[in-house]
């Protein structure tokens, strides 16, 4: 994936997490940090934080991310 595509995907995921879990959470902070820095350590922290969410919450985030992706044009 190119850097631009990765950033867009992380932005959609961050928005989805914020919509479902809230923007004042550890996972939202970790994702925002990963989006802005692009560092592998920040990406790993964001993934670990996301993986700690309950499976039902992850499914809701997945559904929200798909809906956001379908409503946005990705270039």
Foldseek 3Di string as FASTA:
>chain_A
DDLLVVLVLLVLLLVLCCVQVNCPDPLNVLSVVCSVPVDPVSVVSNVVVLVPDDPVSNVSSVVSSVVVPVVDDDD
